[in-house]
Amino acid sequence: MNHIWLAGSIFLFTFALIVSEKIERTISALLGGMAMIIFGIVSQDQAFHSIDWNVIFLLAGMMIIANVLKETGLFQWIALKAVKMGKGDPMRILIILSLVTAVTSAFLDNVTIVILIAPVTLFIASTLGVSPIPFLIAEVLASNIGGMATLVGDPPNILIGSAANIDFLTFIANMGPISLIIMLAFIPAMMFMFKDELKVNEDDVIDIDTLDTESLITDPVLLRKALVVMTGVIIGFLVHGALHLQPATIALTGATILMLWGRSDPHKMLQDVEWTTLFFFFGLFIAVEAVVEVGIIEEIAQKALELTGGDLPTTSMLLIWFSGISSGIVDNIPYTATMIPLVESMGLVMPVDVLWWSLALGACLGGNFTLVGAAANVVVASLAEKSGHKIDFWTFFKYGASTTVVSLAIGSAYIWLRYL
């Protein structure tokens, strides 16, 4: 019992530090994680084992590939193409980038997508003379919505697909339609949320015709090599199940091949990896593991589900909303891992298929609730801060919470009408 109260207190204190931003969030997460070990709530071996190395090395590998691509000028080229497509209008460009992010996040891990799209966004905002923060927040919200559509789009989906033995086509047939519906609803919502923040002064309006995109590619040979490797990595992600390889192995292999083939300086490539983001996850994974270990999350979940009395529609709706709120607090990856055994046990007394879709929908959409709700959110915040544009907890929450509530309401209606 003492461990339960101690673990809960440490976790709440850690979360409060992250929210308050009195201390840098990476230090806050590490303090929480280390406190869980020092006070004996989890052993060191158990704590280090709880770190999801597939997520860590996937991030590291894709950051290295993104750094090589950045050296070629590709991001600037894509950025100015987007500016031309949007005819220099920040709102049009925001919608274009958000749609691109959502669609690509469905077929490539959404964390990978935001790593690739963030440098493009920062360059566009600089070109237009506006803040990149509205673009980055819209993109990360879109990445979590789009990532919900497929088995490989968001880490919780990979966990659910593995546990429930759901294949790629079955997953997209069930989750693809609602992902599309929510994204279509998100477009006008973006226009309303960011309309006052994307106004450009008349003096700052750029002449689209003067933009020369071709001269931006500074190293075409390296670009061709990087695109070959990137294509191979994407194909590897799509067929990783058949290859019996984790996405992290594919990403790190691609990064290694690209550094070797492109004769890149490994010191520079590794120096540019977002180590603060990776260490934030180290601390967070350990802190959450401690809360799971003492049974707090399981106890809360079981008490909540007991309220349904075994009724399938009520259980499904509760699972969606409970998952949506909880995933915004403890990160949707460890939350999903905790809930999977509970859903499996509930499947013994009621149809389990609808519960899997409810869990996937709630966990993915709940990632938009707070800045620490999903890996993609933390990555974007770190990239923004590195460029001198800080996204604080409450700024993200202002947009993320409203988006999550509306998305969960639409998702609930979809589950109810299609399955119940």
Protein backbone atom coordinates (compact mmCIF):
# COMPACT_ATOMS: atom_id res chain seq x y z
CA MET A 1 0.00 0.00 0.00
CA ASN A 2 2.88 2.37 0.84
CA HIS A 3 4.37 1.77 -2.58
CA ILE A 4 1.05 2.62 -4.24
CA TRP A 5 0.83 6.00 -2.52
CA LEU A 6 4.52 6.72 -3.05
CA ALA A 7 4.45 5.81 -6.76
CA GLY A 8 1.30 7.85 -7.29
CA SER A 9 2.75 10.85 -5.47
CA ILE A 10 6.02 10.75 -7.41
CA PHE A 11 4.17 10.42 -10.72
CA LEU A 12 1.79 13.30 -9.96
CA PHE A 13 4.71 15.48 -8.83
CA THR A 14 6.63 14.61 -12.01
CA PHE A 15 3.62 15.40 -14.18
CA ALA A 16 3.10 18.69 -12.30
CA LEU A 17 6.74 19.64 -12.96
CA ILE A 18 6.33 18.87 -16.67
CA VAL A 19 3.12 20.90 -16.86
CA SER A 20 4.49 23.86 -14.88
CA GLU A 21 7.73 23.91 -16.92
CA LYS A 22 9.54 25.30 -13.88
CA ILE A 23 12.20 22.73 -14.75
CA GLU A 24 13.04 21.61 -18.30
CA ARG A 25 10.72 18.66 -19.10
CA THR A 26 13.56 16.22 -19.82
CA ILE A 27 15.04 16.84 -16.36
CA SER A 28 11.56 16.55 -14.79
CA ALA A 29 10.94 13.16 -16.46
CA LEU A 30 14.37 11.86 -15.47
CA LEU A 31 13.88 13.02 -11.86
CA GLY A 32 10.59 11.10 -11.72
CA GLY A 33 12.07 7.99 -13.28
CA MET A 34 15.15 7.96 -11.06
CA ALA A 35 13.03 8.58 -7.93
CA MET A 36 10.99 5.45 -8.74
CA ILE A 37 14.24 3.41 -8.73
CA ILE A 38 15.83 5.08 -5.68
CA PHE A 39 12.71 4.57 -3.53
CA GLY A 40 12.56 0.89 -4.54
CA ILE A 41 9.25 0.99 -6.42
CA VAL A 42 10.95 -0.68 -9.37
CA SER A 43 14.39 -2.27 -9.57
CA GLN A 44 17.02 -0.85 -11.90
CA ASP A 45 16.79 -3.90 -14.15
CA GLN A 46 13.01 -3.65 -14.31
CA ALA A 47 13.16 0.10 -14.95
CA PHE A 48 15.63 -0.20 -17.83
CA HIS A 49 13.69 -3.14 -19.25
CA SER A 50 10.56 -0.97 -19.30
CA ILE A 51 12.10 1.46 -21.79
CA ASP A 52 10.58 0.79 -25.21
CA TRP A 53 13.80 0.54 -27.19
CA ASN A 54 11.87 0.02 -30.41
CA VAL A 55 10.48 3.55 -30.03
CA ILE A 56 13.85 5.00 -28.96
CA PHE A 57 15.89 3.49 -31.79
CA LEU A 58 13.16 4.16 -34.35
CA LEU A 59 13.35 7.84 -33.39
CA ALA A 60 17.15 7.87 -33.44
CA GLY A 61 17.36 6.17 -36.84
CA MET A 62 14.83 8.47 -38.47
CA MET A 63 16.47 11.56 -36.92
CA ILE A 64 19.77 10.55 -38.55
CA ILE A 65 18.08 10.04 -41.94
CA ALA A 66 16.29 13.38 -41.59
CA ASN A 67 19.61 15.10 -40.78
CA VAL A 68 21.19 13.69 -43.95
CA LEU A 69 18.18 14.79 -46.05
CA LYS A 70 18.43 18.25 -44.49
CA GLU A 71 22.01 18.53 -45.81
CA THR A 72 20.76 18.14 -49.41
CA GLY A 73 18.34 21.09 -49.40
CA LEU A 74 15.31 18.82 -49.92
CA PHE A 75 13.30 20.33 -47.07
CA GLN A 76 13.72 23.86 -48.43
CA TRP A 77 12.66 22.61 -51.87
CA ILE A 78 9.50 20.96 -50.50
CA ALA A 79 8.80 24.06 -48.41
CA LEU A 80 8.83 26.45 -51.33
CA LYS A 81 6.77 24.03 -53.43
CA ALA A 82 4.15 24.12 -50.67
CA VAL A 83 4.33 27.93 -50.58
CA LYS A 84 3.70 28.03 -54.32
CA MET A 85 0.80 25.57 -54.08
CA GLY A 86 -0.72 27.69 -51.31
CA LYS A 87 -0.04 30.87 -53.31
CA GLY A 88 1.70 32.37 -50.30
CA ASP A 89 -1.41 32.24 -48.09
CA PRO A 90 -0.40 30.89 -44.63
CA MET A 91 -3.81 29.31 -43.99
CA ARG A 92 -3.79 27.43 -47.30
CA ILE A 93 -0.24 26.28 -46.64
CA LEU A 94 -1.18 25.12 -43.13
CA ILE A 95 -4.04 23.04 -44.57
CA ILE A 96 -1.79 21.56 -47.29
CA LEU A 97 0.93 20.61 -44.79
CA SER A 98 -1.60 19.16 -42.34
CA LEU A 99 -3.20 17.02 -45.05
CA VAL A 100 0.20 15.81 -46.24
CA THR A 101 1.12 14.98 -42.63
CA ALA A 102 -2.14 13.10 -41.99
CA VAL A 103 -1.99 11.04 -45.20
CA THR A 104 1.69 10.10 -44.87
CA SER A 105 1.25 9.34 -41.14
CA ALA A 106 -1.21 6.61 -42.11
CA PHE A 107 1.43 4.70 -44.05
CA LEU A 108 4.57 5.63 -42.17
CA ASP A 109 4.95 5.93 -38.41
CA ASN A 110 3.64 9.36 -37.41
CA VAL A 111 6.74 10.09 -35.33
CA THR A 112 8.86 9.60 -38.45
CA ILE A 113 6.61 11.94 -40.42
CA VAL A 114 6.81 14.82 -37.94
CA ILE A 115 10.60 14.44 -37.80
CA LEU A 116 10.67 14.90 -41.58
CA ILE A 117 8.00 17.60 -41.86
CA ALA A 118 9.13 19.87 -38.98
CA PRO A 119 12.25 21.25 -40.75
CA VAL A 120 10.09 21.98 -43.81
CA THR A 121 7.61 23.84 -41.62
CA LEU A 122 10.26 25.91 -39.87
CA PHE A 123 11.68 27.02 -43.23
CA ILE A 124 8.22 27.92 -44.57
CA ALA A 125 7.35 30.01 -41.49
CA SER A 126 10.67 31.82 -41.78
CA THR A 127 10.01 32.50 -45.47
CA LEU A 128 6.52 33.84 -44.77
CA GLY A 129 7.57 35.83 -41.70
CA VAL A 130 5.06 34.13 -39.37
CA SER A 131 5.33 31.98 -36.24
CA PRO A 132 5.81 28.26 -36.96
CA ILE A 133 3.89 27.25 -33.81
CA PRO A 134 0.37 27.13 -35.38
CA PHE A 135 1.75 25.05 -38.28
CA LEU A 136 3.58 22.64 -35.97
CA ILE A 137 0.62 22.15 -33.61
CA ALA A 138 -1.78 21.58 -36.53
CA GLU A 139 0.62 19.06 -38.07
CA VAL A 140 1.11 17.04 -34.90
CA LEU A 141 -2.66 16.92 -34.29
CA ALA A 142 -3.13 15.79 -37.90
CA SER A 143 -0.39 13.17 -37.53
CA ASN A 144 -2.21 11.51 -34.62
CA ILE A 145 -5.52 11.60 -36.50
CA GLY A 146 -3.97 10.19 -39.68
CA GLY A 147 -1.84 7.66 -37.80
CA MET A 148 -5.01 6.12 -36.37
CA ALA A 149 -6.00 4.82 -39.83
CA THR A 150 -3.57 1.94 -40.22
CA LEU A 151 -1.71 -0.77 -38.35
CA VAL A 152 1.66 0.98 -38.77
CA GLY A 153 0.56 4.61 -38.37
CA ASP A 154 0.70 4.94 -34.58
CA PRO A 155 2.57 2.80 -31.99
CA PRO A 156 -0.64 1.83 -30.06
CA ASN A 157 -2.00 0.29 -33.27
CA ILE A 158 1.06 -1.93 -33.60
CA LEU A 159 0.53 -3.18 -30.02
CA ILE A 160 -3.21 -3.81 -30.58
CA GLY A 161 -2.69 -5.48 -33.96
CA SER A 162 -0.11 -7.83 -32.48
CA ALA A 163 -2.26 -8.75 -29.47
CA ALA A 164 -5.50 -9.21 -31.43
CA ASN A 165 -3.89 -10.73 -34.55
CA ILE A 166 -5.37 -8.01 -36.80
CA ASP A 167 -3.83 -7.69 -40.28
CA PHE A 168 -3.09 -4.47 -42.18
CA LEU A 169 -6.12 -4.55 -44.50
CA THR A 170 -8.61 -5.39 -41.72
CA PHE A 171 -7.27 -2.55 -39.62
CA ILE A 172 -7.51 0.09 -42.35
CA ALA A 173 -11.01 -1.12 -43.34
CA ASN A 174 -12.24 -0.45 -39.80
CA MET A 175 -10.19 2.58 -38.72
CA GLY A 176 -9.54 4.25 -42.08
CA PRO A 177 -13.08 5.65 -42.57
CA ILE A 178 -13.28 7.31 -39.14
CA SER A 179 -9.76 8.73 -39.51
CA LEU A 180 -10.86 10.35 -42.80
CA ILE A 181 -14.11 11.69 -41.28
CA ILE A 182 -12.31 13.27 -38.31
CA MET A 183 -9.64 14.78 -40.57
CA LEU A 184 -12.32 16.38 -42.76
CA ALA A 185 -13.88 17.86 -39.62
CA PHE A 186 -10.45 19.02 -38.41
CA ILE A 187 -9.84 21.22 -41.50
CA PRO A 188 -12.53 23.84 -40.72
CA ALA A 189 -11.59 23.58 -37.04
CA MET A 190 -8.00 24.53 -37.94
CA MET A 191 -9.23 27.50 -39.93
CA PHE A 192 -11.16 28.72 -36.89
CA MET A 193 -8.46 28.01 -34.28
CA PHE A 194 -5.57 29.63 -36.12
CA LYS A 195 -7.27 32.38 -38.13
CA ASP A 196 -5.91 35.19 -35.94
CA GLU A 197 -2.37 33.81 -35.73
CA LEU A 198 -1.62 33.46 -39.43
CA LYS A 199 -2.13 37.00 -40.63
CA VAL A 200 0.70 38.36 -42.75
CA ASN A 201 1.45 42.06 -42.96
CA GLU A 202 1.07 43.49 -46.44
CA ASP A 203 4.73 44.52 -46.35
CA ASP A 204 5.75 40.90 -45.69
CA VAL A 205 3.81 39.32 -48.57
CA ILE A 206 6.27 37.53 -50.81
CA ASP A 207 6.25 37.45 -54.59
CA ILE A 208 5.61 33.78 -55.44
CA ASP A 209 6.96 34.13 -58.96
CA THR A 210 10.39 35.10 -57.68
CA LEU A 211 10.85 31.87 -55.71
CA ASP A 212 13.43 29.63 -57.37
CA THR A 213 13.01 26.10 -56.06
CA GLU A 214 15.51 24.35 -58.34
CA SER A 215 18.57 26.12 -56.90
CA LEU A 216 17.73 24.91 -53.40
CA ILE A 217 18.97 21.34 -53.98
CA THR A 218 22.59 21.70 -52.90
CA ASP A 219 23.74 18.08 -53.21
CA PRO A 220 21.77 16.14 -55.85
CA VAL A 221 24.03 13.07 -55.63
CA LEU A 222 23.52 12.70 -51.86
CA LEU A 223 19.80 13.41 -52.35
CA ARG A 224 19.44 10.50 -54.80
CA LYS A 225 21.23 8.16 -52.39
CA ALA A 226 19.10 9.38 -49.46
CA LEU A 227 15.85 8.93 -51.41
CA VAL A 228 16.86 5.37 -52.39
CA VAL A 229 17.54 4.52 -48.75
CA MET A 230 14.37 6.30 -47.58
CA THR A 231 12.29 4.33 -50.09
CA GLY A 232 13.81 1.11 -48.81
CA VAL A 233 13.06 2.09 -45.21
CA ILE A 234 9.42 2.89 -46.06
CA ILE A 235 9.00 -0.44 -47.85
CA GLY A 236 10.62 -2.12 -44.85
CA PHE A 237 8.10 -0.49 -42.51
CA LEU A 238 5.18 -1.68 -44.63
CA VAL A 239 6.39 -5.30 -44.70
CA HIS A 240 8.20 -5.47 -41.37
CA GLY A 241 5.85 -8.19 -40.12
CA ALA A 242 6.76 -10.51 -43.00
CA LEU A 243 10.45 -9.72 -42.48
CA HIS A 244 10.17 -10.47 -38.73
CA LEU A 245 12.00 -7.23 -38.03
CA GLN A 246 10.98 -4.36 -35.77
CA PRO A 247 10.69 -0.84 -37.29
CA ALA A 248 13.62 0.28 -35.11
CA THR A 249 15.93 -2.25 -36.80
CA ILE A 250 14.81 -1.09 -40.24
CA ALA A 251 15.29 2.60 -39.36
CA LEU A 252 18.75 2.09 -37.81
CA THR A 253 19.84 -0.10 -40.73
CA GLY A 254 18.74 2.59 -43.17
CA ALA A 255 20.55 5.29 -41.18
CA THR A 256 23.75 3.23 -41.07
CA ILE A 257 23.66 2.45 -44.80
CA LEU A 258 23.00 6.11 -45.64
CA MET A 259 25.91 7.37 -43.51
CA LEU A 260 28.20 4.77 -45.11
CA TRP A 261 27.02 5.32 -48.70
CA GLY A 262 26.75 9.09 -48.39
CA ARG A 263 30.13 9.37 -46.62
CA SER A 264 28.46 11.47 -43.92
CA ASP A 265 30.36 12.47 -40.79
CA PRO A 266 28.84 10.29 -38.05
CA HIS A 267 29.91 12.78 -35.37
CA LYS A 268 27.83 15.51 -37.01
CA MET A 269 24.86 13.26 -37.75
CA LEU A 270 24.75 11.89 -34.20
CA GLN A 271 25.35 15.31 -32.68
CA ASP A 272 22.14 16.55 -34.35
CA VAL A 273 20.01 13.74 -32.92
CA GLU A 274 17.41 15.14 -30.48
CA TRP A 275 18.97 13.53 -27.40
CA THR A 276 16.84 15.60 -25.02
CA THR A 277 13.72 14.03 -26.55
CA LEU A 278 15.11 10.51 -26.20
CA PHE A 279 16.11 11.05 -22.56
CA PHE A 280 12.67 12.51 -21.84
CA PHE A 281 11.23 9.17 -22.95
CA PHE A 282 13.71 7.26 -20.79
CA GLY A 283 12.41 9.02 -17.69
CA LEU A 284 8.76 8.85 -18.73
CA PHE A 285 8.83 5.12 -19.53
CA ILE A 286 10.37 4.34 -16.13
CA ALA A 287 7.89 6.57 -14.24
CA VAL A 288 4.91 5.00 -16.02
CA GLU A 289 6.29 1.48 -15.49
CA ALA A 290 6.35 2.14 -11.75
CA VAL A 291 2.72 3.30 -11.77
CA VAL A 292 1.77 0.19 -13.75
CA GLU A 293 3.84 -2.07 -11.47
CA VAL A 294 2.01 -1.06 -8.29
CA GLY A 295 -1.34 -1.55 -10.04
CA ILE A 296 -2.66 2.01 -10.08
CA ILE A 297 -3.62 2.13 -13.78
CA GLU A 298 -5.12 -1.36 -13.74
CA GLU A 299 -7.13 -0.57 -10.60
CA ILE A 300 -8.52 2.65 -12.08
CA ALA A 301 -9.37 0.91 -15.35
CA GLN A 302 -11.09 -2.02 -13.65
CA LYS A 303 -13.14 0.25 -11.39
CA ALA A 304 -14.21 2.30 -14.38
CA LEU A 305 -15.18 -0.75 -16.41
CA GLU A 306 -17.11 -2.28 -13.49
CA LEU A 307 -19.50 0.65 -13.82
CA THR A 308 -20.71 -0.74 -17.17
CA GLY A 309 -22.09 -3.97 -15.70
CA GLY A 310 -20.97 -6.00 -18.72
CA ASP A 311 -23.09 -3.99 -21.18
CA LEU A 312 -21.25 -3.86 -24.55
CA PRO A 313 -22.38 -0.38 -25.76
CA THR A 314 -21.67 1.21 -22.38
CA THR A 315 -18.32 -0.59 -22.07
CA SER A 316 -17.31 0.50 -25.57
CA MET A 317 -18.18 4.16 -24.98
CA LEU A 318 -16.44 4.19 -21.60
CA LEU A 319 -13.37 2.56 -23.12
CA ILE A 320 -13.18 5.26 -25.82
CA TRP A 321 -13.42 8.19 -23.41
CA PHE A 322 -11.37 6.63 -20.61
CA SER A 323 -8.63 5.80 -23.13
CA GLY A 324 -8.78 9.26 -24.66
CA ILE A 325 -8.30 11.08 -21.36
CA SER A 326 -5.83 8.59 -19.84
CA SER A 327 -3.65 8.48 -22.96
CA GLY A 328 -3.21 12.22 -22.75
CA ILE A 329 -1.77 11.87 -19.24
CA VAL A 330 0.44 8.75 -19.23
CA ASP A 331 1.44 8.56 -22.95
CA ASN A 332 -0.61 6.31 -25.21
CA ILE A 333 2.07 3.63 -25.69
CA PRO A 334 2.36 2.34 -22.08
CA TYR A 335 -1.36 2.99 -21.54
CA THR A 336 -2.29 0.74 -24.48
CA ALA A 337 0.09 -1.96 -23.29
CA THR A 338 -1.62 -1.88 -19.89
CA MET A 339 -5.15 -2.02 -21.30
CA ILE A 340 -4.62 -4.91 -23.74
CA PRO A 341 -4.86 -7.68 -21.08
CA LEU A 342 -8.03 -6.07 -19.68
CA VAL A 343 -9.66 -5.97 -23.12
CA GLU A 344 -8.67 -9.60 -23.68
CA SER A 345 -10.34 -10.59 -20.39
CA MET A 346 -13.48 -8.63 -21.26
CA GLY A 347 -13.56 -10.48 -24.57
CA LEU A 348 -14.36 -13.66 -22.67
CA VAL A 349 -17.82 -12.33 -21.76
CA MET A 350 -18.66 -10.02 -24.68
CA PRO A 351 -17.73 -9.53 -28.39
CA VAL A 352 -14.16 -8.32 -28.35
CA ASP A 353 -13.78 -6.83 -31.87
CA VAL A 354 -15.62 -3.60 -31.10
CA LEU A 355 -13.56 -3.20 -27.91
CA TRP A 356 -10.31 -3.35 -29.89
CA TRP A 357 -11.54 -0.58 -32.21
CA SER A 358 -12.70 1.46 -29.21
CA LEU A 359 -9.29 1.12 -27.56
CA ALA A 360 -7.41 2.01 -30.75
CA LEU A 361 -9.62 5.03 -31.39
CA GLY A 362 -9.40 6.35 -27.83
CA ALA A 363 -5.65 5.78 -27.45
CA CYS A 364 -4.68 7.37 -30.78
CA LEU A 365 -6.99 10.38 -30.47
CA GLY A 366 -6.10 10.80 -26.80
CA GLY A 367 -2.52 11.39 -27.90
CA ASN A 368 -3.68 14.88 -28.92
CA PHE A 369 -4.96 15.73 -25.43
CA THR A 370 -1.70 17.04 -23.92
CA LEU A 371 1.88 17.72 -24.94
CA VAL A 372 3.03 14.41 -23.39
CA GLY A 373 0.17 12.33 -24.80
CA ALA A 374 2.07 10.93 -27.79
CA ALA A 375 5.66 10.56 -28.93
CA ALA A 376 5.03 12.79 -31.97
CA ASN A 377 3.97 15.69 -29.71
CA VAL A 378 7.17 15.57 -27.66
CA VAL A 379 9.36 15.34 -30.77
CA VAL A 380 7.75 18.38 -32.40
CA ALA A 381 7.98 20.42 -29.17
CA SER A 382 11.69 19.60 -28.91
CA LEU A 383 12.39 20.50 -32.55
CA ALA A 384 10.48 23.78 -32.14
CA GLU A 385 12.36 24.68 -28.95
CA LYS A 386 15.69 23.95 -30.63
CA SER A 387 14.79 26.47 -33.34
CA GLY A 388 13.89 29.12 -30.76
CA HIS A 389 10.09 28.67 -30.80
CA LYS A 390 8.88 27.10 -27.54
CA ILE A 391 5.55 25.27 -27.45
CA ASP A 392 4.56 25.22 -23.78
CA PHE A 393 2.18 22.72 -22.18
CA TRP A 394 -0.80 25.05 -21.94
CA THR A 395 -0.48 26.42 -25.48
CA PHE A 396 -0.67 22.88 -26.83
CA PHE A 397 -3.45 21.95 -24.40
CA LYS A 398 -5.61 24.86 -25.60
CA TYR A 399 -5.76 23.37 -29.09
CA GLY A 400 -5.18 19.70 -28.31
CA ALA A 401 -7.89 19.26 -25.66
CA SER A 402 -10.67 20.79 -27.80
CA THR A 403 -9.56 18.75 -30.82
CA THR A 404 -9.53 15.57 -28.72
CA VAL A 405 -13.02 16.11 -27.27
CA VAL A 406 -14.58 16.78 -30.68
CA SER A 407 -12.68 13.87 -32.25
CA LEU A 408 -13.75 11.45 -29.48
CA ALA A 409 -17.38 12.55 -29.91
CA ILE A 410 -17.25 11.87 -33.67
CA GLY A 411 -15.44 8.58 -33.04
CA SER A 412 -18.03 7.51 -30.47
CA ALA A 413 -20.84 8.13 -32.96
CA TYR A 414 -18.94 6.09 -35.58
CA ILE A 415 -18.43 3.12 -33.23
CA TRP A 416 -22.07 3.26 -32.09
CA LEU A 417 -23.55 3.43 -35.60
CA ARG A 418 -21.24 0.88 -37.20
CA TYR A 419 -20.83 -1.79 -34.51
CA LEU A 420 -23.46 -1.42 -31.80
